[in-house]
């Protein structure tokens, strides 16, 4: 078996990559690629974290953390949106570009 094929077999089987002579950014971490049949808009949980399936630039799909609505963020933190008056008062000194 060729050395590269052995290294790939070691990586997939979970054996240490360091023992195969492959030292890199991830050290001895072994990874396996899994293909999932997912559609845009679906959610997937990986290691306790939720991700949303979204389109990528090449016409395929990728996963990214979902966008949390502002109302949920306020509910979690026990806050509320600033009133129009408060917003105007607090942002009066912020420079603006007169575009709207």
Protein backbone atom coordinates (compact mmCIF):
# COMPACT_ATOMS: atom_id res chain seq x y z
CA UNK A 1 0.00 0.00 0.00
CA UNK A 2 1.31 3.46 -0.83
CA UNK A 3 2.27 5.81 2.00
CA UNK A 4 -0.48 8.33 1.11
CA UNK A 5 -3.13 5.60 1.01
CA UNK A 6 -1.96 4.37 4.41
CA UNK A 7 -2.16 7.90 5.81
CA UNK A 8 -5.68 8.31 4.46
CA UNK A 9 -6.66 4.94 5.93
CA UNK A 10 -5.22 5.96 9.29
CA UNK A 11 -7.09 9.27 9.20
CA UNK A 12 -10.42 7.62 8.42
CA UNK A 13 -9.92 4.76 10.86
CA UNK A 14 -9.22 7.17 13.74
CA UNK A 15 -5.56 6.23 14.23
CA UNK A 16 -3.22 9.05 15.10
CA UNK A 17 -2.00 11.14 12.21
CA UNK A 18 1.21 11.86 14.07
CA UNK A 19 2.09 8.17 13.87
CA UNK A 20 1.72 8.40 10.08
CA UNK A 21 4.22 11.25 10.02
CA UNK A 22 1.61 13.89 9.22
CA UNK A 23 1.93 16.84 11.53
CA UNK A 24 -0.20 19.86 10.85
CA UNK A 25 -2.55 22.40 12.30
CA UNK A 26 -4.86 19.82 13.87
CA UNK A 27 -2.13 17.65 15.35
CA UNK A 28 -3.43 14.14 15.95
CA UNK A 29 -7.11 14.91 15.32
CA UNK A 30 -8.69 12.48 12.85
CA UNK A 31 -11.72 13.53 10.84
CA UNK A 32 -14.21 11.73 8.65
CA UNK A 33 -16.28 13.26 5.90
CA UNK A 34 -19.98 12.40 5.95
CA UNK A 35 -22.43 13.19 3.16
CA UNK A 36 -25.87 14.22 4.36
CA UNK A 37 -29.02 14.53 2.25
CA UNK A 38 -30.14 17.98 3.38
CA UNK A 39 -32.22 20.73 1.77
CA UNK A 40 -31.95 24.51 2.15
CA UNK A 41 -33.87 25.68 5.23
CA UNK A 42 -33.41 22.51 7.26
CA UNK A 43 -31.66 22.49 10.63
CA UNK A 44 -29.03 20.00 11.76
CA UNK A 45 -27.50 19.54 15.21
CA UNK A 46 -23.79 18.77 15.46
CA UNK A 47 -22.12 18.31 18.83
CA UNK A 48 -25.01 20.05 20.60
CA UNK A 49 -25.05 23.10 18.31
CA UNK A 50 -27.78 23.92 15.77
CA UNK A 51 -26.89 24.86 12.21
CA UNK A 52 -29.07 25.93 9.28
CA UNK A 53 -28.58 24.56 5.77
CA UNK A 54 -28.09 27.49 3.37
CA UNK A 55 -27.09 27.79 -0.31
CA UNK A 56 -23.43 28.36 -1.10
CA UNK A 57 -21.88 30.37 -3.94
CA UNK A 58 -21.20 27.32 -6.11
CA UNK A 59 -24.84 26.19 -6.27
CA UNK A 60 -24.55 23.61 -3.49
CA UNK A 61 -25.37 23.86 0.19
CA UNK A 62 -23.42 24.58 3.36
CA UNK A 63 -24.26 24.94 7.04
CA UNK A 64 -23.98 27.99 9.27
CA UNK A 65 -25.31 29.04 12.66
CA UNK A 66 -28.93 30.15 12.32
CA UNK A 67 -29.84 33.83 12.52
CA UNK A 68 -31.62 34.49 15.81
CA UNK A 69 -34.53 36.93 15.63
CA UNK A 70 -34.03 40.11 17.68
CA UNK A 71 -37.17 39.38 19.73
CA UNK A 72 -35.62 36.10 20.94
CA UNK A 73 -32.40 37.88 21.90
CA UNK A 74 -34.32 40.47 23.93
CA UNK A 75 -36.35 37.70 25.62
CA UNK A 76 -33.17 35.81 26.59
CA UNK A 77 -31.49 38.89 28.01
CA UNK A 78 -34.55 40.45 29.62
CA UNK A 79 -34.17 43.62 27.57
CA UNK A 80 -36.40 45.54 25.17
CA UNK A 81 -35.76 47.63 22.05
CA UNK A 82 -35.02 51.32 22.56
CA UNK A 83 -37.90 53.68 21.91
CA UNK A 84 -37.59 56.10 18.98
CA UNK A 85 -36.95 58.96 21.41
CA UNK A 86 -34.25 57.05 23.30
CA UNK A 87 -32.60 55.99 20.06
CA UNK A 88 -32.52 59.57 18.76
CA UNK A 89 -31.16 60.85 22.08
CA UNK A 90 -28.45 58.16 22.32
CA UNK A 91 -27.35 58.34 18.68
CA UNK A 92 -27.43 62.11 18.20
CA UNK A 93 -23.63 62.40 18.37
CA UNK A 94 -22.97 59.56 15.92
CA UNK A 95 -21.83 60.84 12.53
CA UNK A 96 -24.12 59.92 9.64
CA UNK A 97 -23.86 60.01 5.86
CA UNK A 98 -27.20 61.74 5.04
CA UNK A 99 -28.40 58.76 3.00
CA UNK A 100 -31.78 58.16 4.51
